[in-house]
N, C-alpha and C. Protein backbone atom coordinates (compact mmCIF):
# COMPACT_ATOMS: atom_id res chain seq x y z
N MET A 1 -71.87 12.02 6.16
CA MET A 1 -70.67 12.73 5.76
C MET A 1 -69.75 11.81 4.96
N LYS A 2 -69.64 10.54 5.41
CA LYS A 2 -68.80 9.58 4.69
C LYS A 2 -69.29 9.39 3.26
N THR A 3 -70.59 9.40 3.07
CA THR A 3 -71.17 9.22 1.74
C THR A 3 -70.80 10.39 0.84
N ALA A 4 -70.82 11.59 1.36
CA ALA A 4 -70.46 12.77 0.57
C ALA A 4 -69.01 12.70 0.13
N TYR A 5 -68.11 12.29 1.05
CA TYR A 5 -66.70 12.14 0.70
C TYR A 5 -66.50 11.03 -0.33
N SER A 6 -67.25 9.97 -0.20
CA SER A 6 -67.16 8.87 -1.16
C SER A 6 -67.58 9.31 -2.55
N ILE A 7 -68.67 10.06 -2.61
CA ILE A 7 -69.16 10.55 -3.91
C ILE A 7 -68.17 11.52 -4.53
N ILE A 8 -67.64 12.44 -3.73
CA ILE A 8 -66.64 13.39 -4.23
C ILE A 8 -65.40 12.65 -4.71
N GLY A 9 -64.96 11.65 -3.97
CA GLY A 9 -63.80 10.86 -4.38
C GLY A 9 -64.04 10.12 -5.68
N LEU A 10 -65.22 9.56 -5.82
CA LEU A 10 -65.57 8.85 -7.04
C LEU A 10 -65.60 9.79 -8.24
N VAL A 11 -66.20 10.96 -8.07
CA VAL A 11 -66.27 11.95 -9.15
C VAL A 11 -64.86 12.39 -9.54
N LEU A 12 -64.01 12.66 -8.57
CA LEU A 12 -62.63 13.06 -8.86
C LEU A 12 -61.87 11.95 -9.59
N ALA A 13 -62.05 10.71 -9.15
CA ALA A 13 -61.37 9.59 -9.80
C ALA A 13 -61.82 9.45 -11.24
N LEU A 14 -63.11 9.56 -11.48
CA LEU A 14 -63.63 9.46 -12.85
C LEU A 14 -63.15 10.62 -13.71
N THR A 15 -63.10 11.82 -13.13
CA THR A 15 -62.63 12.98 -13.87
C THR A 15 -61.17 12.83 -14.27
N VAL A 16 -60.32 12.42 -13.34
CA VAL A 16 -58.90 12.23 -13.62
C VAL A 16 -58.72 11.15 -14.68
N THR A 17 -59.45 10.05 -14.55
CA THR A 17 -59.35 8.96 -15.53
C THR A 17 -59.78 9.44 -16.90
N ALA A 18 -60.89 10.15 -16.98
CA ALA A 18 -61.38 10.63 -18.27
C ALA A 18 -60.40 11.59 -18.89
N CYS A 19 -59.81 12.49 -18.11
CA CYS A 19 -58.85 13.43 -18.64
C CYS A 19 -57.61 12.73 -19.14
N SER A 20 -57.13 11.73 -18.42
CA SER A 20 -55.91 11.06 -18.85
C SER A 20 -56.14 10.26 -20.12
N ILE A 21 -57.30 9.66 -20.26
CA ILE A 21 -57.60 8.92 -21.49
C ILE A 21 -57.69 9.88 -22.65
N ASN A 22 -58.38 10.99 -22.48
CA ASN A 22 -58.58 11.95 -23.54
C ASN A 22 -57.26 12.55 -24.01
N MET A 23 -56.34 12.82 -23.09
CA MET A 23 -55.09 13.45 -23.44
C MET A 23 -54.12 12.50 -24.12
N THR A 24 -54.24 11.21 -23.92
CA THR A 24 -53.28 10.29 -24.49
C THR A 24 -53.75 9.68 -25.80
N MET A 25 -55.01 9.90 -26.15
CA MET A 25 -55.52 9.30 -27.37
C MET A 25 -55.52 10.32 -28.50
N SER A 26 -54.63 10.14 -29.47
CA SER A 26 -54.59 11.05 -30.61
C SER A 26 -55.25 10.45 -31.83
N GLY A 27 -55.66 9.20 -31.74
CA GLY A 27 -56.25 8.54 -32.89
C GLY A 27 -55.21 7.94 -33.80
N ALA A 28 -53.94 8.03 -33.42
CA ALA A 28 -52.87 7.51 -34.25
C ALA A 28 -52.83 5.99 -34.19
N SER A 29 -52.59 5.40 -35.33
CA SER A 29 -52.46 3.95 -35.43
C SER A 29 -51.14 3.67 -36.13
N ILE A 30 -50.07 3.66 -35.36
CA ILE A 30 -48.72 3.53 -35.91
C ILE A 30 -48.18 2.15 -35.57
N PRO A 31 -47.82 1.36 -36.59
CA PRO A 31 -47.27 0.03 -36.33
C PRO A 31 -46.02 0.08 -35.45
N GLU A 32 -45.81 -0.96 -34.66
CA GLU A 32 -44.68 -1.02 -33.74
C GLU A 32 -43.32 -0.94 -34.44
N ASN A 33 -43.25 -1.39 -35.70
CA ASN A 33 -41.96 -1.39 -36.40
C ASN A 33 -41.59 -0.02 -36.97
N ILE A 34 -42.47 0.96 -36.84
CA ILE A 34 -42.18 2.33 -37.27
C ILE A 34 -41.72 3.12 -36.05
N ASN A 35 -40.47 3.59 -36.07
CA ASN A 35 -39.90 4.29 -34.93
C ASN A 35 -39.47 5.71 -35.21
N SER A 36 -39.28 6.04 -36.50
CA SER A 36 -38.75 7.36 -36.83
C SER A 36 -39.48 7.94 -38.04
N PHE A 37 -39.39 9.26 -38.15
CA PHE A 37 -39.95 9.95 -39.30
C PHE A 37 -39.01 11.05 -39.73
N SER A 38 -39.16 11.47 -40.97
CA SER A 38 -38.40 12.59 -41.50
C SER A 38 -39.34 13.46 -42.32
N VAL A 39 -39.02 14.75 -42.34
CA VAL A 39 -39.78 15.71 -43.13
C VAL A 39 -38.76 16.49 -43.96
N GLN A 40 -38.88 16.37 -45.26
CA GLN A 40 -38.01 17.12 -46.16
C GLN A 40 -38.54 18.55 -46.29
N TYR A 41 -37.70 19.45 -46.71
CA TYR A 41 -38.08 20.85 -46.87
C TYR A 41 -39.12 20.98 -47.99
N PHE A 42 -40.23 21.65 -47.71
CA PHE A 42 -41.29 21.86 -48.69
C PHE A 42 -41.03 23.17 -49.43
N ASP A 43 -40.55 23.07 -50.67
CA ASP A 43 -40.29 24.26 -51.48
C ASP A 43 -41.59 24.94 -51.86
N ASN A 44 -41.54 26.26 -51.99
CA ASN A 44 -42.71 27.03 -52.41
C ASN A 44 -42.66 27.20 -53.91
N ARG A 45 -43.54 26.50 -54.61
CA ARG A 45 -43.62 26.58 -56.07
C ARG A 45 -44.90 27.28 -56.52
N ALA A 46 -45.55 27.95 -55.61
CA ALA A 46 -46.78 28.68 -55.93
C ALA A 46 -46.43 29.96 -56.69
N PRO A 47 -47.34 30.42 -57.54
CA PRO A 47 -47.08 31.68 -58.27
C PRO A 47 -46.88 32.88 -57.34
N LEU A 48 -47.62 32.92 -56.24
CA LEU A 48 -47.48 33.99 -55.25
C LEU A 48 -46.61 33.44 -54.11
N ILE A 49 -45.54 34.14 -53.81
CA ILE A 49 -44.57 33.65 -52.82
C ILE A 49 -44.71 34.40 -51.50
N ASN A 50 -44.89 33.64 -50.44
CA ASN A 50 -44.77 34.15 -49.08
C ASN A 50 -43.39 33.68 -48.63
N PRO A 51 -42.46 34.59 -48.33
CA PRO A 51 -41.07 34.20 -48.09
C PRO A 51 -40.83 33.27 -46.90
N VAL A 52 -41.75 33.21 -45.93
CA VAL A 52 -41.53 32.36 -44.76
C VAL A 52 -42.43 31.13 -44.76
N LEU A 53 -43.26 30.97 -45.77
CA LEU A 53 -44.24 29.88 -45.77
C LEU A 53 -43.59 28.50 -45.81
N SER A 54 -42.58 28.31 -46.64
CA SER A 54 -41.91 27.00 -46.73
C SER A 54 -41.36 26.57 -45.38
N GLN A 55 -40.64 27.46 -44.74
CA GLN A 55 -40.04 27.15 -43.44
C GLN A 55 -41.12 26.90 -42.39
N ASN A 56 -42.13 27.76 -42.35
CA ASN A 56 -43.20 27.61 -41.36
C ASN A 56 -43.98 26.31 -41.56
N PHE A 57 -44.26 25.95 -42.81
CA PHE A 57 -45.00 24.72 -43.05
C PHE A 57 -44.16 23.50 -42.69
N THR A 58 -42.91 23.47 -43.13
CA THR A 58 -42.03 22.34 -42.84
C THR A 58 -41.91 22.13 -41.33
N GLU A 59 -41.67 23.19 -40.60
CA GLU A 59 -41.55 23.09 -39.14
C GLU A 59 -42.88 22.72 -38.50
N GLY A 60 -43.97 23.23 -39.03
CA GLY A 60 -45.30 22.90 -38.51
C GLY A 60 -45.61 21.41 -38.64
N LEU A 61 -45.23 20.81 -39.77
CA LEU A 61 -45.45 19.37 -39.96
C LEU A 61 -44.57 18.56 -39.01
N LYS A 62 -43.32 18.95 -38.85
CA LYS A 62 -42.44 18.27 -37.89
C LYS A 62 -43.03 18.33 -36.48
N ASP A 63 -43.47 19.52 -36.08
CA ASP A 63 -44.03 19.70 -34.75
C ASP A 63 -45.27 18.85 -34.55
N ARG A 64 -46.15 18.83 -35.55
CA ARG A 64 -47.40 18.06 -35.44
C ARG A 64 -47.08 16.59 -35.19
N ILE A 65 -46.19 16.01 -35.97
CA ILE A 65 -45.89 14.58 -35.84
C ILE A 65 -45.14 14.30 -34.54
N SER A 66 -44.21 15.17 -34.18
CA SER A 66 -43.48 15.00 -32.91
C SER A 66 -44.40 15.05 -31.71
N ASN A 67 -45.33 15.99 -31.72
CA ASN A 67 -46.21 16.20 -30.58
C ASN A 67 -47.34 15.19 -30.47
N GLU A 68 -47.74 14.59 -31.57
CA GLU A 68 -48.91 13.71 -31.55
C GLU A 68 -48.58 12.24 -31.80
N SER A 69 -47.31 11.90 -31.81
CA SER A 69 -46.94 10.50 -31.99
C SER A 69 -45.72 10.17 -31.14
N ARG A 70 -45.39 8.92 -31.08
CA ARG A 70 -44.21 8.48 -30.34
C ARG A 70 -42.96 8.46 -31.24
N LEU A 71 -43.11 8.83 -32.51
CA LEU A 71 -42.02 8.74 -33.47
C LEU A 71 -40.94 9.78 -33.20
N ASN A 72 -39.70 9.41 -33.53
CA ASN A 72 -38.56 10.31 -33.37
C ASN A 72 -38.22 10.93 -34.71
N LEU A 73 -38.00 12.24 -34.70
CA LEU A 73 -37.58 12.97 -35.89
C LEU A 73 -36.11 12.69 -36.15
N VAL A 74 -35.78 12.32 -37.39
CA VAL A 74 -34.39 12.07 -37.77
C VAL A 74 -34.03 12.92 -38.98
N ASN A 75 -32.76 13.26 -39.09
CA ASN A 75 -32.25 13.91 -40.30
C ASN A 75 -32.10 12.84 -41.36
N GLY A 76 -32.18 13.21 -42.61
CA GLY A 76 -32.07 12.21 -43.68
C GLY A 76 -33.41 11.59 -43.93
N THR A 77 -33.48 10.26 -43.82
CA THR A 77 -34.72 9.54 -44.11
C THR A 77 -35.08 8.63 -42.95
N GLY A 78 -36.31 8.79 -42.44
CA GLY A 78 -36.80 7.95 -41.36
C GLY A 78 -37.55 6.74 -41.89
N ASP A 79 -38.13 5.99 -40.98
CA ASP A 79 -38.95 4.84 -41.38
C ASP A 79 -40.12 5.31 -42.26
N VAL A 80 -40.65 6.48 -41.96
CA VAL A 80 -41.62 7.13 -42.84
C VAL A 80 -41.08 8.51 -43.16
N ASP A 81 -41.34 8.95 -44.40
CA ASP A 81 -40.78 10.21 -44.87
C ASP A 81 -41.86 11.03 -45.55
N PHE A 82 -41.86 12.33 -45.26
CA PHE A 82 -42.79 13.27 -45.86
C PHE A 82 -42.00 14.25 -46.72
N SER A 83 -42.44 14.42 -47.96
CA SER A 83 -41.82 15.39 -48.84
C SER A 83 -42.91 16.02 -49.70
N GLY A 84 -42.57 17.07 -50.42
CA GLY A 84 -43.54 17.70 -51.29
C GLY A 84 -43.22 19.15 -51.52
N GLU A 85 -44.25 19.89 -51.94
CA GLU A 85 -44.06 21.29 -52.25
C GLU A 85 -45.38 22.05 -52.07
N ILE A 86 -45.23 23.35 -51.89
CA ILE A 86 -46.38 24.24 -51.83
C ILE A 86 -46.72 24.57 -53.28
N THR A 87 -47.89 24.17 -53.72
CA THR A 87 -48.26 24.35 -55.13
C THR A 87 -49.23 25.50 -55.35
N GLY A 88 -49.87 25.94 -54.29
CA GLY A 88 -50.81 27.04 -54.43
C GLY A 88 -50.81 27.95 -53.22
N TYR A 89 -50.81 29.25 -53.49
CA TYR A 89 -50.92 30.25 -52.45
C TYR A 89 -51.48 31.48 -53.14
N SER A 90 -52.71 31.86 -52.79
CA SER A 90 -53.34 32.95 -53.54
C SER A 90 -54.24 33.79 -52.65
N VAL A 91 -54.45 35.00 -53.12
CA VAL A 91 -55.37 35.95 -52.50
C VAL A 91 -56.33 36.38 -53.60
N ARG A 92 -57.65 36.21 -53.35
CA ARG A 92 -58.61 36.62 -54.38
C ARG A 92 -59.86 37.18 -53.74
N PRO A 93 -60.52 38.09 -54.44
CA PRO A 93 -61.75 38.69 -53.91
C PRO A 93 -62.89 37.69 -53.92
N MET A 94 -63.75 37.82 -52.92
CA MET A 94 -64.95 36.98 -52.79
C MET A 94 -66.12 37.89 -52.49
N ALA A 95 -67.32 37.38 -52.58
CA ALA A 95 -68.54 38.09 -52.19
C ALA A 95 -68.60 39.49 -52.79
N ILE A 96 -68.62 39.55 -54.12
CA ILE A 96 -68.70 40.84 -54.81
C ILE A 96 -70.08 41.46 -54.54
N GLN A 97 -70.08 42.73 -54.15
CA GLN A 97 -71.31 43.45 -53.85
C GLN A 97 -71.85 44.11 -55.12
N ALA A 98 -73.02 44.74 -55.01
CA ALA A 98 -73.67 45.39 -56.14
C ALA A 98 -72.81 46.48 -56.76
N ASP A 99 -72.01 47.15 -55.95
CA ASP A 99 -71.16 48.22 -56.48
C ASP A 99 -69.82 47.70 -57.01
N ALA A 100 -69.74 46.39 -57.25
CA ALA A 100 -68.55 45.72 -57.81
C ALA A 100 -67.34 45.78 -56.88
N ILE A 101 -67.59 45.96 -55.60
CA ILE A 101 -66.52 45.97 -54.61
C ILE A 101 -66.63 44.69 -53.80
N SER A 102 -65.51 44.08 -53.55
CA SER A 102 -65.49 42.82 -52.80
C SER A 102 -65.68 43.08 -51.31
N ALA A 103 -66.58 42.30 -50.70
CA ALA A 103 -66.80 42.42 -49.26
C ALA A 103 -65.81 41.56 -48.49
N GLU A 104 -65.38 40.46 -49.11
CA GLU A 104 -64.44 39.54 -48.47
C GLU A 104 -63.32 39.17 -49.43
N THR A 105 -62.22 38.78 -48.85
CA THR A 105 -61.07 38.30 -49.61
C THR A 105 -60.72 36.93 -49.08
N ARG A 106 -60.29 36.04 -49.96
CA ARG A 106 -59.94 34.67 -49.57
C ARG A 106 -58.44 34.44 -49.77
N LEU A 107 -57.80 33.97 -48.71
CA LEU A 107 -56.41 33.52 -48.77
C LEU A 107 -56.45 32.00 -48.78
N SER A 108 -55.83 31.38 -49.76
CA SER A 108 -55.85 29.92 -49.83
C SER A 108 -54.45 29.36 -50.08
N MET A 109 -54.31 28.10 -49.67
CA MET A 109 -53.02 27.42 -49.74
C MET A 109 -53.25 25.97 -50.13
N THR A 110 -52.38 25.44 -51.01
CA THR A 110 -52.44 24.03 -51.39
C THR A 110 -51.04 23.45 -51.26
N ILE A 111 -50.96 22.27 -50.64
CA ILE A 111 -49.69 21.59 -50.41
C ILE A 111 -49.78 20.20 -51.03
N LYS A 112 -48.81 19.84 -51.85
CA LYS A 112 -48.72 18.49 -52.40
C LYS A 112 -47.75 17.70 -51.51
N VAL A 113 -48.21 16.53 -51.05
CA VAL A 113 -47.42 15.73 -50.09
C VAL A 113 -47.19 14.33 -50.65
N ARG A 114 -45.96 13.87 -50.50
CA ARG A 114 -45.61 12.48 -50.81
C ARG A 114 -45.23 11.81 -49.49
N TYR A 115 -45.91 10.71 -49.19
CA TYR A 115 -45.67 9.96 -47.96
C TYR A 115 -45.05 8.62 -48.37
N LYS A 116 -43.89 8.32 -47.82
CA LYS A 116 -43.23 7.04 -48.10
C LYS A 116 -43.04 6.29 -46.80
N ASN A 117 -43.54 5.08 -46.79
CA ASN A 117 -43.38 4.20 -45.65
C ASN A 117 -42.36 3.13 -46.06
N TYR A 118 -41.15 3.25 -45.56
CA TYR A 118 -40.08 2.34 -45.98
C TYR A 118 -40.19 0.95 -45.37
N LYS A 119 -41.02 0.80 -44.34
CA LYS A 119 -41.26 -0.51 -43.74
C LYS A 119 -42.36 -1.27 -44.45
N ASP A 120 -43.28 -0.53 -45.09
CA ASP A 120 -44.42 -1.14 -45.78
C ASP A 120 -44.78 -0.27 -46.99
N PRO A 121 -44.04 -0.40 -48.11
CA PRO A 121 -44.22 0.48 -49.27
C PRO A 121 -45.63 0.48 -49.87
N LYS A 122 -46.43 -0.53 -49.61
CA LYS A 122 -47.79 -0.51 -50.17
C LYS A 122 -48.66 0.57 -49.51
N LEU A 123 -48.18 1.15 -48.43
CA LEU A 123 -48.90 2.23 -47.76
C LEU A 123 -48.48 3.62 -48.26
N ASN A 124 -47.58 3.70 -49.22
CA ASN A 124 -47.15 4.99 -49.77
C ASN A 124 -48.33 5.69 -50.44
N TRP A 125 -48.31 7.02 -50.42
CA TRP A 125 -49.34 7.79 -51.11
C TRP A 125 -48.82 9.16 -51.49
N GLU A 126 -49.55 9.79 -52.39
CA GLU A 126 -49.29 11.16 -52.79
C GLU A 126 -50.65 11.85 -52.86
N SER A 127 -50.75 13.03 -52.25
CA SER A 127 -52.04 13.70 -52.18
C SER A 127 -51.82 15.21 -52.02
N SER A 128 -52.85 15.97 -52.38
CA SER A 128 -52.82 17.42 -52.17
C SER A 128 -53.79 17.78 -51.05
N PHE A 129 -53.40 18.76 -50.25
CA PHE A 129 -54.21 19.23 -49.13
C PHE A 129 -54.37 20.73 -49.27
N SER A 130 -55.58 21.21 -49.04
CA SER A 130 -55.85 22.64 -49.20
C SER A 130 -56.58 23.19 -47.98
N ALA A 131 -56.43 24.48 -47.80
CA ALA A 131 -57.17 25.19 -46.77
C ALA A 131 -57.32 26.63 -47.23
N PHE A 132 -58.33 27.31 -46.70
CA PHE A 132 -58.50 28.73 -47.01
C PHE A 132 -59.09 29.44 -45.81
N ARG A 133 -58.91 30.75 -45.80
CA ARG A 133 -59.50 31.60 -44.79
C ARG A 133 -60.00 32.86 -45.49
N ASP A 134 -61.21 33.29 -45.12
CA ASP A 134 -61.79 34.53 -45.63
C ASP A 134 -61.60 35.63 -44.59
N PHE A 135 -61.40 36.84 -45.08
CA PHE A 135 -61.27 37.98 -44.18
C PHE A 135 -61.90 39.21 -44.85
N PRO A 136 -62.33 40.18 -44.06
CA PRO A 136 -62.96 41.38 -44.63
C PRO A 136 -62.01 42.10 -45.58
N SER A 137 -62.54 42.53 -46.71
CA SER A 137 -61.70 43.19 -47.72
C SER A 137 -61.16 44.53 -47.26
N ASP A 138 -61.74 45.10 -46.23
CA ASP A 138 -61.21 46.37 -45.75
C ASP A 138 -59.97 46.18 -44.87
N GLN A 139 -59.61 44.93 -44.60
CA GLN A 139 -58.37 44.66 -43.86
C GLN A 139 -57.23 44.45 -44.86
N ASN A 140 -56.07 44.94 -44.50
CA ASN A 140 -54.89 44.77 -45.33
C ASN A 140 -54.36 43.35 -45.15
N ILE A 141 -54.03 42.67 -46.24
CA ILE A 141 -53.52 41.30 -46.17
C ILE A 141 -52.29 41.21 -45.27
N ASN A 142 -51.45 42.23 -45.28
CA ASN A 142 -50.25 42.22 -44.45
C ASN A 142 -50.58 42.17 -42.96
N ALA A 143 -51.74 42.69 -42.58
CA ALA A 143 -52.13 42.72 -41.17
C ALA A 143 -52.64 41.36 -40.69
N VAL A 144 -53.21 40.55 -41.59
CA VAL A 144 -53.83 39.29 -41.18
C VAL A 144 -53.13 38.04 -41.71
N GLU A 145 -52.22 38.20 -42.63
CA GLU A 145 -51.61 37.06 -43.32
C GLU A 145 -50.93 36.07 -42.38
N ASN A 146 -50.16 36.54 -41.44
CA ASN A 146 -49.43 35.64 -40.53
C ASN A 146 -50.39 34.76 -39.73
N ASP A 147 -51.42 35.37 -39.15
CA ASP A 147 -52.39 34.59 -38.37
C ASP A 147 -53.15 33.60 -39.25
N LEU A 148 -53.55 34.03 -40.43
CA LEU A 148 -54.31 33.15 -41.32
C LEU A 148 -53.47 31.98 -41.82
N THR A 149 -52.21 32.23 -42.18
CA THR A 149 -51.36 31.13 -42.64
C THR A 149 -51.07 30.16 -41.50
N THR A 150 -50.92 30.67 -40.28
CA THR A 150 -50.72 29.79 -39.13
C THR A 150 -51.92 28.86 -38.95
N GLU A 151 -53.13 29.40 -39.06
CA GLU A 151 -54.34 28.57 -38.95
C GLU A 151 -54.40 27.53 -40.06
N MET A 152 -54.07 27.93 -41.29
CA MET A 152 -54.14 26.99 -42.41
C MET A 152 -53.09 25.89 -42.28
N ILE A 153 -51.89 26.25 -41.81
CA ILE A 153 -50.85 25.25 -41.59
C ILE A 153 -51.30 24.24 -40.55
N GLU A 154 -51.92 24.71 -39.47
CA GLU A 154 -52.44 23.79 -38.45
C GLU A 154 -53.48 22.85 -39.03
N GLU A 155 -54.39 23.36 -39.84
CA GLU A 155 -55.42 22.52 -40.45
C GLU A 155 -54.83 21.50 -41.41
N ILE A 156 -53.93 21.94 -42.26
CA ILE A 156 -53.34 21.04 -43.26
C ILE A 156 -52.47 19.98 -42.60
N THR A 157 -51.65 20.37 -41.62
CA THR A 157 -50.79 19.37 -40.96
C THR A 157 -51.63 18.35 -40.20
N GLU A 158 -52.76 18.77 -39.64
CA GLU A 158 -53.66 17.83 -38.98
C GLU A 158 -54.22 16.83 -40.00
N ASN A 159 -54.61 17.31 -41.16
CA ASN A 159 -55.15 16.43 -42.20
C ASN A 159 -54.08 15.46 -42.72
N ILE A 160 -52.86 15.93 -42.85
CA ILE A 160 -51.75 15.06 -43.29
C ILE A 160 -51.49 13.99 -42.24
N PHE A 161 -51.41 14.40 -40.99
CA PHE A 161 -51.20 13.46 -39.89
C PHE A 161 -52.29 12.39 -39.89
N ASN A 162 -53.54 12.81 -40.00
CA ASN A 162 -54.64 11.86 -40.00
C ASN A 162 -54.58 10.90 -41.17
N LYS A 163 -54.23 11.38 -42.35
CA LYS A 163 -54.13 10.50 -43.51
C LYS A 163 -53.00 9.48 -43.32
N ALA A 164 -51.90 9.93 -42.73
CA ALA A 164 -50.74 9.05 -42.58
C ALA A 164 -50.90 8.06 -41.42
N PHE A 165 -51.48 8.49 -40.31
CA PHE A 165 -51.43 7.68 -39.10
C PHE A 165 -52.74 7.32 -38.45
N ALA A 166 -53.83 7.98 -38.79
CA ALA A 166 -55.10 7.68 -38.13
C ALA A 166 -55.79 6.53 -38.85
N ASP A 167 -56.35 5.65 -38.09
CA ASP A 167 -57.02 4.47 -38.64
C ASP A 167 -58.50 4.78 -38.78
N TRP A 168 -58.87 5.56 -39.82
CA TRP A 168 -60.26 6.00 -39.99
C TRP A 168 -61.08 4.93 -40.65
C-alpha cells in the first residue's frame, strides 16, 4: 500500500511540476533592462474599412504583450514601442466552381508594424504581418466577420510578439 501511495505522490508531483513549467514559459527572451512597452494606435489605411478593426487590433496587441511578458504598459513611449497601420483588409472569392460561382470566400488582413527598442536601437525593425481565413460563400460576411477578424488578430499579434521577444 505504501508503494502505491508513493507512486501516486510521485506522479502528482511530476504533473504539478510539468504544468507549472509549461504555464510560465512563453518563449520570451526580454533583456532585464526592458521594463515597459507602448502600443500606438494602428490606423486603418486599407481600402476596405472595418470600423472597429483599428481599436480591436491595437487592444489585442496590448493584451498579448501584457499577458505574455513581465513588461508594463505605459502611455506615451515605453522602453519598446509598437506602431504601424492596417494596410490591407479584403474579401475576395476563392475556389471558383465550373458554374463560375465561388465555393469559398477569403477574408484577409495585413498589418505593417514598426518596432523600436529605445534601450538597444540596433534591434529596431519594420515588417508586415498577414493572416487570412476562408469561409463558405453561402455565408454572409456580416455573420462571420467578427469571429474571423478575432482569429486573425490573435494570429498576427502572436507573430508580432514572437518577432519582438522570442529568441528563435
